[in-house]
C-alpha atoms as a PDB file:
ATOM      1  CA  MET A   1      59.539 131.326 -13.755  1.00  0.00           C
ATOM      2  CA  LYS A   2      60.634 130.691 -17.709  1.00  0.00           C
ATOM      3  CA  VAL A   3      64.384 131.931 -18.255  1.00  0.00           C
ATOM      4  CA  TYR A   4      65.358 132.682 -22.028  1.00  0.00           C
ATOM      5  CA  LEU A   5      69.024 133.075 -23.615  1.00  0.00           C
ATOM      6  CA  SER A   6      69.759 136.372 -25.833  1.00  0.00           C
ATOM      7  CA  PRO A   7      71.265 135.598 -28.875  1.00  0.00           C
ATOM      8  CA  LYS A   8      74.411 136.810 -27.494  1.00  0.00           C
ATOM      9  CA  ALA A   9      74.513 134.454 -24.467  1.00  0.00           C
ATOM     10  CA  GLN A  10      73.210 131.780 -26.707  1.00  0.00           C
ATOM     11  CA  LEU A  11      76.654 131.765 -28.548  1.00  0.00           C
ATOM     12  CA  GLN A  12      78.582 132.490 -25.582  1.00  0.00           C
ATOM     13  CA  TYR A  13      77.200 129.364 -23.611  1.00  0.00           C
ATOM     14  CA  GLN A  14      77.438 127.251 -26.989  1.00  0.00           C
ATOM     15  CA  ALA A  15      81.027 128.215 -26.992  1.00  0.00           C
ATOM     16  CA  LEU A  16      81.771 127.517 -23.316  1.00  0.00           C
ATOM     17  CA  LYS A  17      80.707 124.311 -23.613  1.00  0.00           C
ATOM     18  CA  GLY A  18      82.990 123.471 -26.533  1.00  0.00           C
ATOM     19  CA  LYS A  19      86.095 125.174 -24.551  1.00  0.00           C
ATOM     20  CA  ASN A  20      85.565 124.068 -20.940  1.00  0.00           C
ATOM     21  CA  THR A  21      82.703 121.613 -19.805  1.00  0.00           C
ATOM     22  CA  GLY A  22      83.351 122.518 -16.078  1.00  0.00           C
ATOM     23  CA  TYR A  23      82.512 126.291 -16.336  1.00  0.00           C
ATOM     24  CA  ALA A  24      79.310 125.101 -18.997  1.00  0.00           C
ATOM     25  CA  SER A  25      78.290 123.040 -15.872  1.00  0.00           C
ATOM     26  CA  GLN A  26      78.580 125.862 -13.423  1.00  0.00           C
ATOM     27  CA  VAL A  27      76.646 128.286 -15.716  1.00  0.00           C
ATOM     28  CA  LYS A  28      74.057 125.546 -16.295  1.00  0.00           C
ATOM     29  CA  THR A  29      73.693 124.863 -12.404  1.00  0.00           C
ATOM     30  CA  ILE A  30      73.428 128.942 -11.944  1.00  0.00           C
ATOM     31  CA  LEU A  31      70.643 129.017 -14.829  1.00  0.00           C
ATOM     32  CA  LEU A  32      68.764 126.562 -12.872  1.00  0.00           C
ATOM     33  CA  ASP A  33      69.123 128.608  -9.569  1.00  0.00           C
ATOM     34  CA  ILE A  34      68.253 131.574 -11.451  1.00  0.00           C
ATOM     35  CA  LYS A  35      64.951 129.570 -12.547  1.00  0.00           C
ATOM     36  CA  GLU A  36      63.926 129.005  -9.149  1.00  0.00           C
ATOM     37  CA  HIS A  37      65.118 132.193  -7.235  1.00  0.00           C
ATOM     38  CA  PRO A  38      66.378 134.837  -9.435  1.00  0.00           C
ATOM     39  CA  LEU A  39      67.573 137.446  -6.998  1.00  0.00           C
ATOM     40  CA  GLU A  40      69.482 134.799  -4.373  1.00  0.00           C
ATOM     41  CA  GLY A  41      71.507 131.960  -4.636  1.00  0.00           C
ATOM     42  CA  ILE A  42      74.369 130.515  -6.033  1.00  0.00           C
ATOM     43  CA  GLY A  43      76.862 132.788  -7.568  1.00  0.00           C
ATOM     44  CA  THR A  44      76.448 135.525  -5.194  1.00  0.00           C
ATOM     45  CA  PRO A  45      73.552 137.708  -6.674  1.00  0.00           C
ATOM     46  CA  GLN A  46      74.287 141.263  -7.103  1.00  0.00           C
ATOM     47  CA  LEU A  47      72.897 144.283  -8.950  1.00  0.00           C
ATOM     48  CA  VAL A  48      74.711 145.303 -12.034  1.00  0.00           C
ATOM     49  CA  ASN A  49      74.208 148.960 -11.150  1.00  0.00           C
ATOM     50  CA  GLU A  50      72.005 150.154  -8.007  1.00  0.00           C
ATOM     51  CA  SER A  51      69.805 153.098 -10.080  1.00  0.00           C
ATOM     52  CA  VAL A  52      68.549 150.116 -12.594  1.00  0.00           C
ATOM     53  CA  PRO A  53      66.852 147.605 -10.391  1.00  0.00           C
ATOM     54  CA  ASP A  54      65.874 145.217 -12.926  1.00  0.00           C
ATOM     55  CA  PHE A  55      69.652 144.024 -13.848  1.00  0.00           C
ATOM     56  CA  TRP A  56      71.374 141.506 -12.140  1.00  0.00           C
ATOM     57  CA  GLU A  57      74.672 139.449 -12.239  1.00  0.00           C
ATOM     58  CA  ARG A  58      76.317 136.373 -10.621  1.00  0.00           C
ATOM     59  CA  ARG A  59      79.644 134.685 -10.672  1.00  0.00           C
ATOM     60  CA  PHE A  60      81.034 131.559 -11.669  1.00  0.00           C
ATOM     61  CA  ASN A  61      84.506 130.212 -11.294  1.00  0.00           C
ATOM     62  CA  GLY A  62      85.420 133.479 -10.076  1.00  0.00           C
ATOM     63  CA  SER A  63      85.869 135.673 -13.262  1.00  0.00           C
ATOM     64  CA  GLY A  64      82.777 134.453 -14.762  1.00  0.00           C
ATOM     65  CA  ILE A  65      79.697 136.421 -15.144  1.00  0.00           C
ATOM     66  CA  ILE A  66      76.582 135.965 -15.962  1.00  0.00           C
ATOM     67  CA  MET A  67      74.335 138.983 -16.712  1.00  0.00           C
ATOM     68  CA  TYR A  68      70.363 138.816 -16.799  1.00  0.00           C
ATOM     69  CA  HIS A  69      66.989 141.215 -16.567  1.00  0.00           C
ATOM     70  CA  TYR A  70      64.380 140.238 -14.037  1.00  0.00           C
ATOM     71  CA  GLU A  71      60.888 141.177 -15.325  1.00  0.00           C
ATOM     72  CA  ASP A  72      58.897 141.250 -11.789  1.00  0.00           C
ATOM     73  CA  GLU A  73      55.558 141.423 -13.245  1.00  0.00           C
ATOM     74  CA  GLU A  74      55.839 139.320 -16.297  1.00  0.00           C
ATOM     75  CA  ASP A  75      57.859 136.881 -14.029  1.00  0.00           C
ATOM     76  CA  TYR A  76      60.799 135.590 -16.042  1.00  0.00           C
ATOM     77  CA  VAL A  77      64.254 136.249 -16.846  1.00  0.00           C
ATOM     78  CA  VAL A  78      66.326 136.938 -19.780  1.00  0.00           C
ATOM     79  CA  VAL A  79      70.157 136.150 -19.964  1.00  0.00           C
ATOM     80  CA  LEU A  80      71.775 138.879 -21.329  1.00  0.00           C
ATOM     81  CA  SER A  81      75.305 137.733 -21.403  1.00  0.00           C
ATOM     82  CA  ILE A  82      77.702 135.285 -20.311  1.00  0.00           C
ATOM     83  CA  GLY A  83      81.538 136.385 -19.995  1.00  0.00           C
ATOM     84  CA  ASN A  84      84.761 134.333 -18.981  1.00  0.00           C
ATOM     85  CA  GLU A  85      87.907 134.817 -20.037  1.00  0.00           C
ATOM     86  CA  LEU A  86      88.022 131.622 -22.506  1.00  0.00           C
ATOM     87  CA  LEU A  87      85.133 133.208 -24.323  1.00  0.00           C
ATOM     88  CA  PRO A  88      85.630 135.636 -27.131  1.00  0.00           C
ATOM     89  CA  SER A  89      83.852 138.556 -27.242  1.00  0.00           C
ATOM     90  CA  TYR A  90      80.129 138.691 -29.370  1.00  0.00           C
ATOM     91  CA  GLU A  91      81.569 140.477 -32.180  1.00  0.00           C
ATOM     92  CA  GLU A  92      84.705 137.653 -32.302  1.00  0.00           C
ATOM     93  CA  LEU A  93      82.763 134.210 -32.213  1.00  0.00           C
ATOM     94  CA  PRO A  94      82.837 132.323 -35.239  1.00  0.00           C
ATOM     95  CA  SER A  95      80.342 132.866 -37.566  1.00  0.00           C
ATOM     96  CA  LYS A  96      81.317 130.451 -40.654  1.00  0.00           C
ATOM     97  CA  ILE A  97      78.862 130.038 -43.623  1.00  0.00           C
ATOM     98  CA  ARG A  98      78.855 127.035 -45.977  1.00  0.00           C
ATOM     99  CA  LYS A  99      78.006 127.926 -49.390  1.00  0.00           C
ATOM    100  CA  VAL A 100      74.788 126.734 -50.652  1.00  0.00           C
ATOM    101  CA  SER A 101      75.137 123.571 -53.062  1.00  0.00           C
ATOM    102  CA  GLU A 102      74.372 124.014 -56.789  1.00  0.00           C
ATOM    103  CA  ARG A 103      71.700 121.828 -56.681  1.00  0.00           C
ATOM    104  CA  ASP A 104      70.281 123.000 -53.551  1.00  0.00           C
ATOM    105  CA  TYR A 105      70.390 126.776 -54.590  1.00  0.00           C
ATOM    106  CA  VAL A 106      68.442 125.534 -57.933  1.00  0.00           C
ATOM    107  CA  SER A 107      65.927 123.621 -55.579  1.00  0.00           C
ATOM    108  CA  MET A 108      65.572 126.801 -53.236  1.00  0.00           C
ATOM    109  CA  LEU A 109      64.774 128.886 -56.587  1.00  0.00           C
ATOM    110  CA  LYS A 110      62.055 126.496 -57.506  1.00  0.00           C
ATOM    111  CA  GLN A 111      60.473 126.735 -54.187  1.00  0.00           C
ATOM    112  CA  MET A 112      60.320 130.315 -54.184  1.00  0.00           C
ATOM    113  CA  GLU A 113      59.013 130.487 -57.522  1.00  0.00           C
ATOM    114  CA  ALA A 114      56.124 128.373 -56.675  1.00  0.00           C
ATOM    115  CA  ASN A 115      55.323 130.800 -53.960  1.00  0.00           C
ATOM    116  CA  ARG A 116      54.938 133.549 -55.875  1.00  0.00           C
ATOM    117  CA  GLY A 117      51.341 134.944 -56.529  1.00  0.00           C
ATOM    118  CA  HIS A 118      49.993 133.667 -53.725  1.00  0.00           C
ATOM    119  CA  ALA A 119      50.704 136.597 -51.559  1.00  0.00           C
ATOM    120  CA  ASP A 120      47.135 137.123 -51.201  1.00  0.00           C
ATOM    121  CA  ASP A 121      45.882 133.763 -50.429  1.00  0.00           C
ATOM    122  CA  PRO A 122      43.719 133.198 -47.333  1.00  0.00           C
ATOM    123  CA  LYS A 123      45.595 132.981 -44.128  1.00  0.00           C
ATOM    124  CA  VAL A 124      45.314 131.714 -40.517  1.00  0.00           C
ATOM    125  CA  GLY A 125      46.916 133.172 -37.307  1.00  0.00           C
ATOM    126  CA  ILE A 126      46.567 135.808 -34.484  1.00  0.00           C
ATOM    127  CA  PHE A 127      46.258 139.314 -33.941  1.00  0.00           C
ATOM    128  CA  TRP A 128      45.569 142.108 -31.310  1.00  0.00           C
ATOM    129  CA  TYR A 129      43.436 145.286 -31.823  1.00  0.00           C
ATOM    130  CA  ASN A 130      44.524 148.916 -31.292  1.00  0.00           C
ATOM    131  CA  PRO A 131      41.116 150.939 -30.638  1.00  0.00           C
ATOM    132  CA  SER A 132      43.148 154.247 -30.474  1.00  0.00           C
ATOM    133  CA  TRP A 133      44.752 153.733 -33.878  1.00  0.00           C
ATOM    134  CA  ASN A 134      41.741 151.279 -35.291  1.00  0.00           C
ATOM    135  CA  GLU A 135      44.306 149.008 -36.570  1.00  0.00           C
ATOM    136  CA  LEU A 136      45.555 145.331 -36.056  1.00  0.00           C
ATOM    137  CA  PHE A 137      49.285 145.154 -34.266  1.00  0.00           C
ATOM    138  CA  GLY A 138      51.287 141.791 -33.727  1.00  0.00           C
ATOM    139  CA  VAL A 139      49.826 139.635 -36.760  1.00  0.00           C
ATOM    140  CA  VAL A 140      51.288 136.556 -37.303  1.00  0.00           C
ATOM    141  CA  THR A 141      49.553 134.981 -40.307  1.00  0.00           C
ATOM    142  CA  HIS A 142      50.273 131.807 -42.078  1.00  0.00           C
ATOM    143  CA  PRO A 143      48.803 130.624 -45.840  1.00  0.00           C
ATOM    144  CA  VAL A 144      46.307 127.949 -45.396  1.00  0.00           C
ATOM    145  CA  ARG A 145      47.628 126.192 -48.740  1.00  0.00           C
ATOM    146  CA  ASP A 146      51.113 125.338 -46.103  1.00  0.00           C
ATOM    147  CA  TYR A 147      48.851 123.060 -44.023  1.00  0.00           C
ATOM    148  CA  THR A 148      47.468 119.461 -45.137  1.00  0.00           C
ATOM    149  CA  ARG A 149      44.742 117.668 -42.917  1.00  0.00           C
ATOM    150  CA  ALA A 150      47.893 115.855 -41.016  1.00  0.00           C
ATOM    151  CA  ASN A 151      48.228 119.708 -39.519  1.00  0.00           C
ATOM    152  CA  ALA A 152      44.176 119.809 -38.441  1.00  0.00           C
ATOM    153  CA  SER A 153      42.824 119.026 -34.967  1.00  0.00           C
ATOM    154  CA  ASP A 154      39.147 118.183 -35.234  1.00  0.00           C
ATOM    155  CA  GLY A 155      39.439 119.291 -38.674  1.00  0.00           C
ATOM    156  CA  ARG A 156      40.473 122.917 -37.799  1.00  0.00           C
ATOM    157  CA  ILE A 157      43.842 124.220 -38.592  1.00  0.00           C
ATOM    158  CA  THR A 158      45.808 127.540 -37.102  1.00  0.00           C
ATOM    159  CA  CYS A 159      49.086 128.888 -36.400  1.00  0.00           C
ATOM    160  CA  SER A 160      51.304 126.916 -33.928  1.00  0.00           C
ATOM    161  CA  GLU A 161      52.246 130.521 -32.277  1.00  0.00           C
ATOM    162  CA  LEU A 162      50.697 131.513 -29.002  1.00  0.00           C
ATOM    163  CA  HIS A 163      49.816 135.290 -27.931  1.00  0.00           C
ATOM    164  CA  GLU A 164      51.592 134.874 -24.835  1.00  0.00           C
ATOM    165  CA  ASP A 165      55.084 133.983 -26.860  1.00  0.00           C
ATOM    166  CA  VAL A 166      54.683 136.543 -29.207  1.00  0.00           C
ATOM    167  CA  TRP A 167      53.962 139.229 -26.816  1.00  0.00           C
ATOM    168  CA  ARG A 168      56.828 138.651 -24.722  1.00  0.00           C
ATOM    169  CA  LYS A 169      59.333 138.498 -27.720  1.00  0.00           C
ATOM    170  CA  GLU A 170      57.733 141.996 -28.800  1.00  0.00           C
ATOM    171  CA  PHE A 171      57.898 143.400 -25.328  1.00  0.00           C
ATOM    172  CA  ASN A 172      61.563 142.409 -25.172  1.00  0.00           C
ATOM    173  CA  ARG A 173      62.478 144.087 -28.441  1.00  0.00           C
ATOM    174  CA  GLN A 174      60.444 147.051 -27.583  1.00  0.00           C
ATOM    175  CA  LYS A 175      62.056 147.498 -24.096  1.00  0.00           C
ATOM    176  CA  PHE A 176      65.575 147.046 -25.121  1.00  0.00           C
ATOM    177  CA  HIS A 177      65.993 148.714 -28.528  1.00  0.00           C
ATOM    178  CA  GLY A 178      64.605 152.455 -29.624  1.00  0.00           C
ATOM    179  CA  ASP A 179      62.746 154.372 -27.050  1.00  0.00           C
ATOM    180  CA  GLY A 180      60.743 151.898 -25.318  1.00  0.00           C
ATOM    181  CA  SER A 181      57.748 152.891 -26.581  1.00  0.00           C
ATOM    182  CA  GLY A 182      55.328 150.818 -28.474  1.00  0.00           C
ATOM    183  CA  PRO A 183      52.123 148.690 -28.454  1.00  0.00           C
ATOM    184  CA  PHE A 184      53.304 146.035 -26.179  1.00  0.00           C
ATOM    185  CA  ILE A 185      52.573 147.071 -22.675  1.00  0.00           C
ATOM    186  CA  GLY A 186      51.363 145.511 -19.473  1.00  0.00           C
ATOM    187  CA  PRO A 187      49.612 141.962 -19.747  1.00  0.00           C
ATOM    188  CA  TYR A 188      49.230 140.472 -23.279  1.00  0.00           C
ATOM    189  CA  GLU A 189      45.517 139.417 -22.475  1.00  0.00           C
ATOM    190  CA  ASN A 190      44.442 143.274 -21.315  1.00  0.00           C
ATOM    191  CA  LYS A 191      44.488 144.031 -24.970  1.00  0.00           C
ATOM    192  CA  PRO A 192      41.470 143.378 -27.658  1.00  0.00           C
ATOM    193  CA  ARG A 193      42.941 139.814 -29.360  1.00  0.00           C
ATOM    194  CA  GLY A 194      41.689 137.121 -31.539  1.00  0.00           C
ATOM    195  CA  ARG A 195      42.948 134.011 -33.689  1.00  0.00           C
ATOM    196  CA  VAL A 196      41.584 132.489 -36.771  1.00  0.00           C
ATOM    197  CA  PHE A 197      41.376 128.950 -37.767  1.00  0.00           C
ATOM    198  CA  TYR A 198      39.816 127.236 -41.183  1.00  0.00           C
ATOM    199  CA  SER A 199      37.211 124.641 -40.747  1.00  0.00           C
ATOM    200  CA  MET A 200      38.538 121.944 -43.477  1.00  0.00           C
ATOM    201  CA  ASP A 201      35.442 119.892 -43.125  1.00  0.00           C
ATOM    202  CA  GLU A 202      33.110 122.951 -43.193  1.00  0.00           C
ATOM    203  CA  ASP A 203      35.622 125.134 -45.952  1.00  0.00           C
ATOM    204  CA  LYS A 204      35.188 127.880 -43.928  1.00  0.00           C
ATOM    205  CA  PHE A 205      37.114 130.970 -41.810  1.00  0.00           C
ATOM    206  CA  ILE A 206      36.061 131.168 -38.048  1.00  0.00           C
ATOM    207  CA  VAL A 207      37.786 134.298 -36.167  1.00  0.00           C
ATOM    208  CA  THR A 208      37.338 133.851 -32.223  1.00  0.00           C
ATOM    209  CA  VAL A 209      37.234 136.671 -30.597  1.00  0.00           C
ATOM    210  CA  GLY A 210      35.618 137.859 -26.648  1.00  0.00           C
ATOM    211  CA  HIS A 211      33.364 140.508 -26.314  1.00  0.00           C
ATOM    212  CA  TRP A 212      35.523 143.498 -27.230  1.00  0.00           C
ATOM    213  CA  LEU A 213      34.418 143.346 -30.803  1.00  0.00           C
ATOM    214  CA  GLU A 214      30.905 144.267 -30.102  1.00  0.00           C
ATOM    215  CA  GLU A 215      32.638 147.596 -28.587  1.00  0.00           C
ATOM    216  CA  TYR A 216      34.400 147.941 -31.657  1.00  0.00           C
ATOM    217  CA  PRO A 217      32.544 146.224 -34.805  1.00  0.00           C
ATOM    218  CA  GLN A 218      34.992 148.152 -37.248  1.00  0.00           C
ATOM    219  CA  ALA A 219      37.524 145.656 -36.286  1.00  0.00           C
ATOM    220  CA  LYS A 220      36.201 142.834 -38.690  1.00  0.00           C
ATOM    221  CA  GLN A 221      37.030 144.432 -41.629  1.00  0.00           C
ATOM    222  CA  LEU A 222      40.623 145.167 -40.816  1.00  0.00           C
ATOM    223  CA  ILE A 223      40.725 141.449 -39.662  1.00  0.00           C
ATOM    224  CA  ILE A 224      39.249 140.128 -42.995  1.00  0.00           C
ATOM    225  CA  GLU A 225      41.444 142.089 -45.040  1.00  0.00           C
ATOM    226  CA  GLU A 226      44.867 141.538 -43.137  1.00  0.00           C
ATOM    227  CA  PHE A 227      44.185 137.888 -43.166  1.00  0.00           C
ATOM    228  CA  ASP A 228      42.547 137.987 -47.006  1.00  0.00           C
ATOM    229  CA  LEU A 229      39.840 136.358 -45.765  1.00  0.00           C
ATOM    230  CA  PRO A 230      36.761 135.531 -48.410  1.00  0.00           C
ATOM    231  CA  ALA A 231      34.098 137.519 -46.318  1.00  0.00           C
ATOM    232  CA  GLU A 232      31.278 134.764 -47.455  1.00  0.00           C
ATOM    233  CA  LYS A 233      33.321 131.912 -46.094  1.00  0.00           C
ATOM    234  CA  THR A 234      34.116 133.725 -42.452  1.00  0.00           C
ATOM    235  CA  VAL A 235      32.092 133.853 -39.296  1.00  0.00           C
ATOM    236  CA  PHE A 236      32.955 135.757 -36.156  1.00  0.00           C
ATOM    237  CA  GLN A 237      32.796 133.592 -32.927  1.00  0.00           C
ATOM    238  CA  TYR A 238      32.623 134.231 -28.975  1.00  0.00           C
ATOM    239  CA  ALA A 239      34.709 132.392 -26.757  1.00  0.00           C
ATOM    240  CA  ILE A 240      35.911 133.720 -23.609  1.00  0.00           C
ATOM    241  CA  HIS A 241      39.508 132.825 -23.571  1.00  0.00           C
ATOM    242  CA  TRP A 242      39.891 135.984 -25.933  1.00  0.00           C
ATOM    243  CA  ASP A 243      37.714 137.867 -23.582  1.00  0.00           C
ATOM    244  CA  ILE A 244      40.161 140.937 -22.390  1.00  0.00           C
ATOM    245  CA  GLY A 245      41.714 140.381 -19.209  1.00  0.00           C
ATOM    246  CA  HIS A 246      41.244 136.191 -19.745  1.00  0.00           C
ATOM    247  CA  SER A 247      43.898 133.662 -20.414  1.00  0.00           C
ATOM    248  CA  TRP A 248      45.282 130.275 -19.901  1.00  0.00           C
ATOM    249  CA  ARG A 249      45.303 131.172 -16.001  1.00  0.00           C
END
């Protein structure tokens, strides 16, 4: 079971640690207990509303409340807020912004300037394919030029992001914002997906996919265009990990 803190909960938890380490310790204990027993245990777990079965709350130090969302099918918890009389509201939490120094400002502009004109450079990354729309979604790309041989594993480079992590974040964004509709529905491995590698030794791009590409060959051109891949240096290869229904488990 994984437990994730929303941006709001993260700020509240940090604020509480600065005000009362005892309360913060209680919260940490409850969070660890939620990880092991999401619906029972310390803090008297109870539904926030009987008509909304996925949202729970627990008490700490009498008046403190931890509110969280438990996603049974995906086996994870998102802590939405940590409330206590010692804490300011989320809107009142400090957000001090220090001005960038003149030296750093000039350096940042130079760094951005160096990136101009490289938007179409070849990239590595991950993607999903939606056959109904005939388009890619959930795409993560990184320019190959951002990597060095030190980043390579067996001479290959790719992005560090994993499909499962990107899916979880997009699923939560889709669920808690707007009307909840979108492509991120169900397990991430049940949609056609793939990954783009670059072989530094062979100077070629390797797009790893499942057998789904045989049914939807039109996705090849979409992938080449999305990742700005040189067609003459790009090969598509099959691996069971990217078959529909397969994952790490």
